[in-house]
C-alpha atoms as a PDB file:
ATOM      1  CA  LEU A   1       0.000   0.000   0.000  1.00  0.00           C
ATOM      2  CA  ALA A   2       2.835   2.417   0.788  1.00  0.00           C
ATOM      3  CA  LEU A   3       4.377   1.822  -2.625  1.00  0.00           C
ATOM      4  CA  GLY A   4       0.944   2.274  -4.184  1.00  0.00           C
ATOM      5  CA  VAL A   5       0.161   5.618  -2.559  1.00  0.00           C
ATOM      6  CA  LEU A   6       3.635   7.202  -2.435  1.00  0.00           C
ATOM      7  CA  SER A   7       5.151   6.113  -5.741  1.00  0.00           C
ATOM      8  CA  PRO A   8       2.548   7.141  -8.391  1.00  0.00           C
ATOM      9  CA  ASP A   9       4.110  10.618  -8.475  1.00  0.00           C
ATOM     10  CA  GLY A  10       7.552   9.218  -9.266  1.00  0.00           C
ATOM     11  CA  ILE A  11       6.734   6.129 -11.314  1.00  0.00           C
ATOM     12  CA  SER A  12       4.244   7.891 -13.584  1.00  0.00           C
ATOM     13  CA  SER A  13       6.949  10.450 -14.452  1.00  0.00           C
ATOM     14  CA  SER A  14       8.483   7.789 -16.673  1.00  0.00           C
ATOM     15  CA  ALA A  15       5.524   8.210 -19.047  1.00  0.00           C
ATOM     16  CA  TYR A  16       6.796  11.548 -20.331  1.00  0.00           C
ATOM     17  CA  GLY A  17      10.457  11.894 -19.275  1.00  0.00           C
ATOM     18  CA  THR A  18      11.848  10.459 -22.524  1.00  0.00           C
ATOM     19  CA  GLU A  19       9.292  12.391 -24.559  1.00  0.00           C
ATOM     20  CA  GLU A  20      10.346  15.690 -22.971  1.00  0.00           C
ATOM     21  CA  ILE A  21      13.997  15.030 -23.883  1.00  0.00           C
ATOM     22  CA  LEU A  22      13.045  14.380 -27.513  1.00  0.00           C
ATOM     23  CA  ILE A  23      10.857  17.504 -27.637  1.00  0.00           C
ATOM     24  CA  ALA A  24      13.942  19.585 -26.766  1.00  0.00           C
ATOM     25  CA  LEU A  25      16.351  17.733 -29.091  1.00  0.00           C
ATOM     26  CA  LEU A  26      14.308  17.068 -32.244  1.00  0.00           C
ATOM     27  CA  PRO A  27      14.078  20.633 -33.626  1.00  0.00           C
ATOM     28  CA  MET A  28      17.862  21.152 -33.423  1.00  0.00           C
ATOM     29  CA  ALA A  29      19.452  17.703 -33.542  1.00  0.00           C
ATOM     30  CA  GLY A  30      17.086  16.090 -36.028  1.00  0.00           C
ATOM     31  CA  LEU A  31      17.160  12.313 -36.144  1.00  0.00           C
ATOM     32  CA  ALA A  32      20.401  12.393 -34.130  1.00  0.00           C
ATOM     33  CA  ALA A  33      18.098  13.048 -31.161  1.00  0.00           C
ATOM     34  CA  PHE A  34      17.246   9.341 -31.134  1.00  0.00           C
ATOM     35  CA  THR A  35      20.946   8.567 -30.703  1.00  0.00           C
ATOM     36  CA  LEU A  36      21.459  11.249 -28.055  1.00  0.00           C
ATOM     37  CA  ILE A  37      18.481   9.953 -26.061  1.00  0.00           C
ATOM     38  CA  LEU A  38      20.484   7.017 -24.653  1.00  0.00           C
ATOM     39  CA  PRO A  39      23.457   8.923 -23.153  1.00  0.00           C
ATOM     40  CA  MET A  40      21.036  11.608 -21.923  1.00  0.00           C
ATOM     41  CA  THR A  41      18.963   8.927 -20.199  1.00  0.00           C
ATOM     42  CA  LEU A  42      22.081   7.446 -18.600  1.00  0.00           C
ATOM     43  CA  VAL A  43      22.984  10.846 -17.123  1.00  0.00           C
ATOM     44  CA  ILE A  44      19.468  11.260 -15.735  1.00  0.00           C
ATOM     45  CA  LEU A  45      19.534   7.743 -14.261  1.00  0.00           C
ATOM     46  CA  PHE A  46      22.898   8.528 -12.644  1.00  0.00           C
ATOM     47  CA  VAL A  47      21.385  11.621 -11.022  1.00  0.00           C
ATOM     48  CA  MET A  48      18.415   9.510  -9.925  1.00  0.00           C
ATOM     49  CA  VAL A  49      20.761   7.052  -8.184  1.00  0.00           C
ATOM     50  CA  LEU A  50      22.424   9.926  -6.312  1.00  0.00           C
ATOM     51  CA  VAL A  51      19.020  11.262  -5.238  1.00  0.00           C
ATOM     52  CA  LEU A  52      17.914   7.806  -4.088  1.00  0.00           C
ATOM     53  CA  LEU A  53      21.092   7.260  -2.089  1.00  0.00           C
ATOM     54  CA  SER A  54      20.635  10.642  -0.416  1.00  0.00           C
ATOM     55  CA  TYR A  55      17.004  10.006   0.519  1.00  0.00           C
ATOM     56  CA  ARG A  56      17.963   6.486   1.612  1.00  0.00           C
ATOM     57  CA  GLU A  57      20.009   8.031   4.415  1.00  0.00           C
ATOM     58  CA  ILE A  58      17.519  10.813   5.163  1.00  0.00           C
ATOM     59  CA  VAL A  59      14.587   8.464   5.881  1.00  0.00           C
ATOM     60  CA  MET A  60      16.667   6.626   8.484  1.00  0.00           C
ATOM     61  CA  VAL A  61      17.537   9.809  10.413  1.00  0.00           C
ATOM     62  CA  TYR A  62      14.558  12.128   9.883  1.00  0.00           C
ATOM     63  CA  ILE A  63      11.479  10.014  10.525  1.00  0.00           C
ATOM     64  CA  ARG A  64       9.191  13.021  11.031  1.00  0.00           C
ATOM     65  CA  PRO A  65       7.081  14.050   8.013  1.00  0.00           C
ATOM     66  CA  GLY A  66       8.469  16.949   6.018  1.00  0.00           C
ATOM     67  CA  GLY A  67      11.387  15.548   4.035  1.00  0.00           C
ATOM     68  CA  SER A  68      13.702  18.240   2.678  1.00  0.00           C
ATOM     69  CA  TYR A  69      11.978  20.932   4.750  1.00  0.00           C
ATOM     70  CA  VAL A  70      12.767  19.171   8.048  1.00  0.00           C
ATOM     71  CA  VAL A  71      16.350  18.439   6.983  1.00  0.00           C
ATOM     72  CA  ALA A  72      16.974  22.066   5.996  1.00  0.00           C
ATOM     73  CA  ARG A  73      15.272  23.473   9.114  1.00  0.00           C
ATOM     74  CA  GLU A  74      17.316  21.397  11.539  1.00  0.00           C
ATOM     75  CA  ASN A  75      20.622  22.008   9.775  1.00  0.00           C
ATOM     76  CA  PHE A  76      20.326  25.510   8.286  1.00  0.00           C
ATOM     77  CA  GLY A  77      17.446  27.201  10.074  1.00  0.00           C
ATOM     78  CA  PRO A  78      13.874  28.164   9.190  1.00  0.00           C
ATOM     79  CA  ARG A  79      14.773  30.739   6.504  1.00  0.00           C
ATOM     80  CA  ILE A  80      16.569  28.204   4.306  1.00  0.00           C
ATOM     81  CA  ALA A  81      13.873  25.642   5.104  1.00  0.00           C
ATOM     82  CA  GLN A  82      11.271  27.949   3.571  1.00  0.00           C
ATOM     83  CA  VAL A  83      13.107  27.691   0.246  1.00  0.00           C
ATOM     84  CA  CYS A  84      12.765  23.898   0.397  1.00  0.00           C
ATOM     85  CA  ALA A  85       9.084  24.229   1.324  1.00  0.00           C
ATOM     86  CA  VAL A  86       8.403  26.474  -1.664  1.00  0.00           C
ATOM     87  CA  ALA A  87      10.343  24.121  -3.948  1.00  0.00           C
ATOM     88  CA  LEU A  88       8.248  21.169  -2.756  1.00  0.00           C
ATOM     89  CA  LEU A  89       5.006  23.092  -3.297  1.00  0.00           C
ATOM     90  CA  ILE A  90       6.026  24.091  -6.831  1.00  0.00           C
ATOM     91  CA  ASP A  91       7.147  20.528  -7.549  1.00  0.00           C
ATOM     92  CA  TYR A  92       3.810  19.019  -6.551  1.00  0.00           C
ATOM     93  CA  ILE A  93       1.711  21.679  -8.320  1.00  0.00           C
ATOM     94  CA  VAL A  94       3.677  21.352 -11.558  1.00  0.00           C
ATOM     95  CA  THR A  95       3.597  17.559 -11.280  1.00  0.00           C
ATOM     96  CA  VAL A  96      -0.188  17.522 -11.023  1.00  0.00           C
ATOM     97  CA  ALA A  97      -0.497  19.881 -13.990  1.00  0.00           C
ATOM     98  CA  VAL A  98       1.973  18.063 -16.234  1.00  0.00           C
ATOM     99  CA  GLN A  99       0.985  14.497 -15.372  1.00  0.00           C
ATOM    100  CA  THR A 100      -2.761  14.964 -15.770  1.00  0.00           C
ATOM    101  CA  ALA A 101      -2.269  16.849 -19.049  1.00  0.00           C
ATOM    102  CA  ALA A 102       0.196  14.251 -20.361  1.00  0.00           C
ATOM    103  CA  GLY A 103      -2.066  11.380 -19.330  1.00  0.00           C
ATOM    104  CA  THR A 104      -5.106  12.913 -21.001  1.00  0.00           C
ATOM    105  CA  ALA A 105      -3.094  13.622 -24.153  1.00  0.00           C
ATOM    106  CA  ALA A 106      -1.928   9.997 -24.236  1.00  0.00           C
ATOM    107  CA  VAL A 107      -5.489   8.687 -23.951  1.00  0.00           C
ATOM    108  CA  ALA A 108      -6.669  11.180 -26.586  1.00  0.00           C
ATOM    109  CA  SER A 109      -3.984   9.943 -28.984  1.00  0.00           C
ATOM    110  CA  ALA A 110      -5.451   6.439 -28.681  1.00  0.00           C
ATOM    111  CA  PHE A 111      -9.081   7.650 -28.809  1.00  0.00           C
ATOM    112  CA  PRO A 112      -9.119  10.838 -30.949  1.00  0.00           C
ATOM    113  CA  SER A 113     -12.863  11.292 -30.425  1.00  0.00           C
ATOM    114  CA  ILE A 114     -12.260  12.595 -26.882  1.00  0.00           C
ATOM    115  CA  GLY A 115      -9.731  15.179 -28.097  1.00  0.00           C
ATOM    116  CA  PRO A 116     -12.126  18.161 -27.869  1.00  0.00           C
ATOM    117  CA  TYR A 117     -12.784  17.339 -24.205  1.00  0.00           C
ATOM    118  CA  LYS A 118      -9.173  17.112 -22.998  1.00  0.00           C
ATOM    119  CA  LEU A 119      -9.456  20.144 -20.722  1.00  0.00           C
ATOM    120  CA  GLU A 120     -12.617  18.882 -19.029  1.00  0.00           C
ATOM    121  CA  ILE A 121     -11.150  15.396 -18.585  1.00  0.00           C
ATOM    122  CA  THR A 122      -7.939  16.796 -17.098  1.00  0.00           C
ATOM    123  CA  ILE A 123      -9.849  18.934 -14.591  1.00  0.00           C
ATOM    124  CA  GLY A 124     -12.004  15.930 -13.682  1.00  0.00           C
ATOM    125  CA  VAL A 125      -8.923  13.810 -13.009  1.00  0.00           C
ATOM    126  CA  VAL A 126      -7.438  16.541 -10.775  1.00  0.00           C
ATOM    127  CA  VAL A 127     -10.686  16.723  -8.780  1.00  0.00           C
ATOM    128  CA  LEU A 128     -10.735  12.915  -8.465  1.00  0.00           C
ATOM    129  CA  MET A 129      -7.126  12.857  -7.243  1.00  0.00           C
ATOM    130  CA  ALA A 130      -7.870  15.600  -4.715  1.00  0.00           C
ATOM    131  CA  PHE A 131     -10.887  13.687  -3.411  1.00  0.00           C
ATOM    132  CA  GLY A 132      -8.817  10.522  -3.027  1.00  0.00           C
ATOM    133  CA  ASN A 133      -5.958  12.286  -1.212  1.00  0.00           C
ATOM    134  CA  LEU A 134      -8.216  14.202   1.167  1.00  0.00           C
ATOM    135  CA  ARG A 135      -9.493  10.922   2.583  1.00  0.00           C
ATOM    136  CA  GLY A 136      -6.105  10.361   4.208  1.00  0.00           C
ATOM    137  CA  LEU A 137      -2.798   8.769   3.289  1.00  0.00           C
ATOM    138  CA  ARG A 138      -3.554   5.179   4.304  1.00  0.00           C
ATOM    139  CA  GLU A 139      -7.104   5.283   2.929  1.00  0.00           C
ATOM    140  CA  ALA A 140      -5.879   6.702  -0.381  1.00  0.00           C
ATOM    141  CA  GLY A 141      -3.347   3.878  -0.637  1.00  0.00           C
ATOM    142  CA  ARG A 142      -6.001   1.332  -1.499  1.00  0.00           C
ATOM    143  CA  ALA A 143      -7.428   3.559  -4.228  1.00  0.00           C
ATOM    144  CA  PHE A 144      -4.082   4.421  -5.823  1.00  0.00           C
ATOM    145  CA  ALA A 145      -2.284   1.090  -5.414  1.00  0.00           C
ATOM    146  CA  VAL A 146      -4.231  -0.730  -8.151  1.00  0.00           C
ATOM    147  CA  PRO A 147      -3.660   1.806 -10.984  1.00  0.00           C
ATOM    148  CA  THR A 148      -0.017   2.200  -9.949  1.00  0.00           C
ATOM    149  CA  TYR A 149       0.680  -1.519 -10.250  1.00  0.00           C
ATOM    150  CA  LEU A 150      -1.404  -1.805 -13.441  1.00  0.00           C
ATOM    151  CA  PHE A 151       0.544   1.050 -15.039  1.00  0.00           C
ATOM    152  CA  SER A 152       3.919  -0.371 -14.016  1.00  0.00           C
ATOM    153  CA  GLY A 153       2.981  -3.871 -15.164  1.00  0.00           C
ATOM    154  CA  ALA A 154       1.641  -2.654 -18.522  1.00  0.00           C
ATOM    155  CA  VAL A 155       4.737  -0.595 -19.323  1.00  0.00           C
ATOM    156  CA  ILE A 156       7.121  -3.353 -18.199  1.00  0.00           C
ATOM    157  CA  LEU A 157       5.203  -5.803 -20.404  1.00  0.00           C
ATOM    158  CA  MET A 158       5.491  -3.374 -23.329  1.00  0.00           C
ATOM    159  CA  ILE A 159       9.254  -3.057 -22.769  1.00  0.00           C
ATOM    160  CA  ILE A 160       9.744  -6.850 -22.559  1.00  0.00           C
ATOM    161  CA  VAL A 161       7.738  -7.444 -25.741  1.00  0.00           C
ATOM    162  CA  GLY A 162       9.666  -4.649 -27.481  1.00  0.00           C
ATOM    163  CA  LEU A 163      13.046  -6.075 -26.446  1.00  0.00           C
ATOM    164  CA  ILE A 164      12.078  -9.572 -27.591  1.00  0.00           C
ATOM    165  CA  ARG A 165      10.830  -8.276 -30.956  1.00  0.00           C
ATOM    166  CA  SER A 166      13.994  -6.191 -31.311  1.00  0.00           C
ATOM    167  CA  ALA A 167      16.166  -9.240 -30.627  1.00  0.00           C
ATOM    168  CA  LEU A 168      14.194 -11.277 -33.174  1.00  0.00           C
ATOM    169  CA  GLY A 169      14.485  -8.487 -35.744  1.00  0.00           C
ATOM    170  CA  ASN A 170      10.763  -7.901 -36.261  1.00  0.00           C
ATOM    171  CA  LEU A 171      10.316  -4.688 -34.263  1.00  0.00           C
ATOM    172  CA  PRO A 172       8.612  -2.226 -36.636  1.00  0.00           C
ATOM    173  CA  SER A 173      10.230   1.163 -37.161  1.00  0.00           C
ATOM    174  CA  TYR A 174       8.747   4.290 -38.700  1.00  0.00           C
ATOM    175  CA  ASP A 175      10.001   6.389 -41.605  1.00  0.00           C
ATOM    176  CA  PRO A 176      10.102   9.910 -40.139  1.00  0.00           C
ATOM    177  CA  HIS A 177       9.511  11.460 -43.565  1.00  0.00           C
ATOM    178  CA  THR A 178       6.041   9.915 -43.718  1.00  0.00           C
ATOM    179  CA  LEU A 179       5.005  11.124 -40.256  1.00  0.00           C
ATOM    180  CA  HIS A 180       3.210  14.380 -39.604  1.00  0.00           C
ATOM    181  CA  GLY A 181       3.514  14.947 -35.882  1.00  0.00           C
ATOM    182  CA  THR A 182       3.240  17.907 -33.569  1.00  0.00           C
ATOM    183  CA  TYR A 183       6.975  18.569 -33.330  1.00  0.00           C
ATOM    184  CA  THR A 184       9.186  19.509 -36.248  1.00  0.00           C
ATOM    185  CA  ILE A 185      12.191  17.279 -36.886  1.00  0.00           C
ATOM    186  CA  GLY A 186      15.233  19.421 -37.672  1.00  0.00           C
ATOM    187  CA  SER A 187      18.059  18.546 -40.037  1.00  0.00           C
ATOM    188  CA  GLY A 188      20.582  17.846 -37.311  1.00  0.00           C
ATOM    189  CA  SER A 189      23.657  18.777 -39.373  1.00  0.00           C
ATOM    190  CA  ALA A 190      23.717  22.457 -38.464  1.00  0.00           C
ATOM    191  CA  GLY A 191      22.332  21.871 -35.003  1.00  0.00           C
ATOM    192  CA  LEU A 192      25.026  19.444 -33.866  1.00  0.00           C
ATOM    193  CA  MET A 193      27.827  21.714 -35.050  1.00  0.00           C
ATOM    194  CA  SER A 194      26.333  24.831 -33.506  1.00  0.00           C
ATOM    195  CA  GLY A 195      27.859  26.317 -30.357  1.00  0.00           C
ATOM    196  CA  ALA A 196      24.312  26.646 -29.047  1.00  0.00           C
ATOM    197  CA  MET A 197      23.968  22.860 -29.016  1.00  0.00           C
ATOM    198  CA  ILE A 198      25.349  22.738 -25.483  1.00  0.00           C
ATOM    199  CA  PHE A 199      22.364  24.784 -24.336  1.00  0.00           C
ATOM    200  CA  ILE A 200      19.995  22.485 -26.217  1.00  0.00           C
ATOM    201  CA  LEU A 201      21.543  19.500 -24.436  1.00  0.00           C
ATOM    202  CA  LEU A 202      21.186  21.236 -21.080  1.00  0.00           C
ATOM    203  CA  LYS A 203      17.544  22.014 -21.853  1.00  0.00           C
ATOM    204  CA  ALA A 204      16.994  18.367 -22.822  1.00  0.00           C
ATOM    205  CA  PHE A 205      18.589  17.294 -19.538  1.00  0.00           C
ATOM    206  CA  ALA A 206      16.355  19.696 -17.598  1.00  0.00           C
ATOM    207  CA  ASN A 207      13.300  18.383 -19.456  1.00  0.00           C
ATOM    208  CA  GLY A 208      14.322  14.794 -18.793  1.00  0.00           C
ATOM    209  CA  GLY A 209      14.667  15.674 -15.134  1.00  0.00           C
ATOM    210  CA  ALA A 210      10.873  15.441 -15.084  1.00  0.00           C
ATOM    211  CA  SER A 211      11.507  11.712 -14.702  1.00  0.00           C
ATOM    212  CA  LEU A 212      12.827  12.386 -11.193  1.00  0.00           C
ATOM    213  CA  THR A 213       9.794  14.200  -9.819  1.00  0.00           C
ATOM    214  CA  GLY A 214       8.087  12.466  -6.952  1.00  0.00           C
ATOM    215  CA  ILE A 215      11.012  10.513  -5.529  1.00  0.00           C
ATOM    216  CA  GLU A 216      10.859  12.753  -2.449  1.00  0.00           C
ATOM    217  CA  ALA A 217       7.294  11.655  -1.641  1.00  0.00           C
ATOM    218  CA  VAL A 218       8.522   8.788   0.563  1.00  0.00           C
ATOM    219  CA  SER A 219      10.687  11.053   2.718  1.00  0.00           C
ATOM    220  CA  ASP A 220       7.783  13.499   3.073  1.00  0.00           C
ATOM    221  CA  ALA A 221       5.633  10.799   4.669  1.00  0.00           C
ATOM    222  CA  VAL A 222       7.998   8.667   6.761  1.00  0.00           C
ATOM    223  CA  GLY A 223       5.791   9.181   9.798  1.00  0.00           C
ATOM    224  CA  ALA A 224       2.928   7.330   8.109  1.00  0.00           C
ATOM    225  CA  PHE A 225       4.883   4.047   8.025  1.00  0.00           C
ATOM    226  CA  ARG A 226       4.622   1.343  10.626  1.00  0.00           C
ATOM    227  CA  PRO A 227       7.641   0.875  12.931  1.00  0.00           C
ATOM    228  CA  PRO A 228      10.476   0.668  12.153  1.00  0.00           C
ATOM    229  CA  GLU A 229       9.545   3.682  10.016  1.00  0.00           C
ATOM    230  CA  GLY A 230      12.975   4.358   8.540  1.00  0.00           C
ATOM    231  CA  ARG A 231      13.626   0.790   7.444  1.00  0.00           C
ATOM    232  CA  ASN A 232      10.183   0.391   5.876  1.00  0.00           C
ATOM    233  CA  ALA A 233      10.483   3.744   4.103  1.00  0.00           C
ATOM    234  CA  ARG A 234      13.891   2.722   2.778  1.00  0.00           C
ATOM    235  CA  LYS A 235      12.435  -0.485   1.286  1.00  0.00           C
ATOM    236  CA  VAL A 236       9.658   1.427  -0.476  1.00  0.00           C
ATOM    237  CA  LEU A 237      12.119   4.073  -1.696  1.00  0.00           C
ATOM    238  CA  MET A 238      14.480   1.533  -3.266  1.00  0.00           C
ATOM    239  CA  ALA A 239      11.589  -0.435  -4.810  1.00  0.00           C
ATOM    240  CA  GLU A 240      10.242   2.765  -6.347  1.00  0.00           C
ATOM    241  CA  GLY A 241      13.696   3.667  -7.672  1.00  0.00           C
ATOM    242  CA  ALA A 242      14.162   0.234  -9.240  1.00  0.00           C
ATOM    243  CA  ILE A 243      10.777   0.379 -10.980  1.00  0.00           C
ATOM    244  CA  LEU A 244      11.238   3.973 -12.147  1.00  0.00           C
ATOM    245  CA  GLY A 245      14.758   3.321 -13.457  1.00  0.00           C
ATOM    246  CA  THR A 246      13.591   0.244 -15.360  1.00  0.00           C
ATOM    247  CA  LEU A 247      10.689   2.107 -16.963  1.00  0.00           C
ATOM    248  CA  VAL A 248      12.734   5.154 -17.995  1.00  0.00           C
ATOM    249  CA  ALA A 249      15.596   3.062 -19.396  1.00  0.00           C
ATOM    250  CA  GLY A 250      13.227   0.731 -21.257  1.00  0.00           C
ATOM    251  CA  ILE A 251      11.148   3.518 -22.814  1.00  0.00           C
ATOM    252  CA  SER A 252      14.276   5.381 -23.931  1.00  0.00           C
ATOM    253  CA  TRP A 253      15.696   2.206 -25.497  1.00  0.00           C
ATOM    254  CA  LEU A 254      12.495   1.547 -27.428  1.00  0.00           C
ATOM    255  CA  ALA A 255      12.398   5.174 -28.593  1.00  0.00           C
ATOM    256  CA  HIS A 256      15.995   4.781 -29.793  1.00  0.00           C
END
């Protein structure tokens, strides 16, 4: 239940992390973006490991709810802690906005008939999530655990099938010249040689950092765990990290 209620924020980020990297790279790098996606993903996964290792120690020492805010307040004082509090608030607000919009867009791409109602559907999902969370952390766990595990299982199944088909040589690939998507594919020749390419790569890295949102949720709710709180929180944190890393790496590989 803890993994179900505390990890949706982080695990669901894998649904659009790779996409956000490509959105930044495609206009400048062209088809080379699909080659750059792998090293960019490796960098993001490396950062994710560092974040996980940091929170792995935090949950053992700071078992009171609050996460980064509590750590900053006890070590640097309330003024610095307010910066962490604001950062957490912005993180969660942006996460709700981006994830609900991305999820609705994904469903609309499969069922184009609901496209005109994307805004209404997104608002409805936000209201539903708010209703579920206001019932309480443990109560919400039962409601959120099922979709979390279904999502993770479905994406892992997709990755496994994709890897098997790739190994067998029958994984279909698309000719980009026949596709008419939302984002323009640049030539790549001028973009890769440009001095501005370093800024494009940094923007792609920042976009891909969306894959890391939500990892802090476990440390924010250590007090909700059963004793020993720190050890149980650490187990959930590492399980979430393993699932998230697998999903991000697998999606990036299939995109490549």
